[in-house]
Amino acid sequence: MSDKPDIKEVTTFDKTKLKKTETHEKNTLPTKETIEQEKSES
């Protein structure tokens, strides 16, 4: 086994075959007010 990886597959990869996807935020960060409220409750 060689020390250098075989990048032949990476260099010949066709990016046009990829599908376009939309990303959606699943878990948003809490606001500063929410954090302060939770701190005061505990």
Foldseek 3Di string as FASTA:
>chain_A
DDPDDDCPCVVPDDPVPDDDDDDDDDDDDDDPVVVVVVVVVD
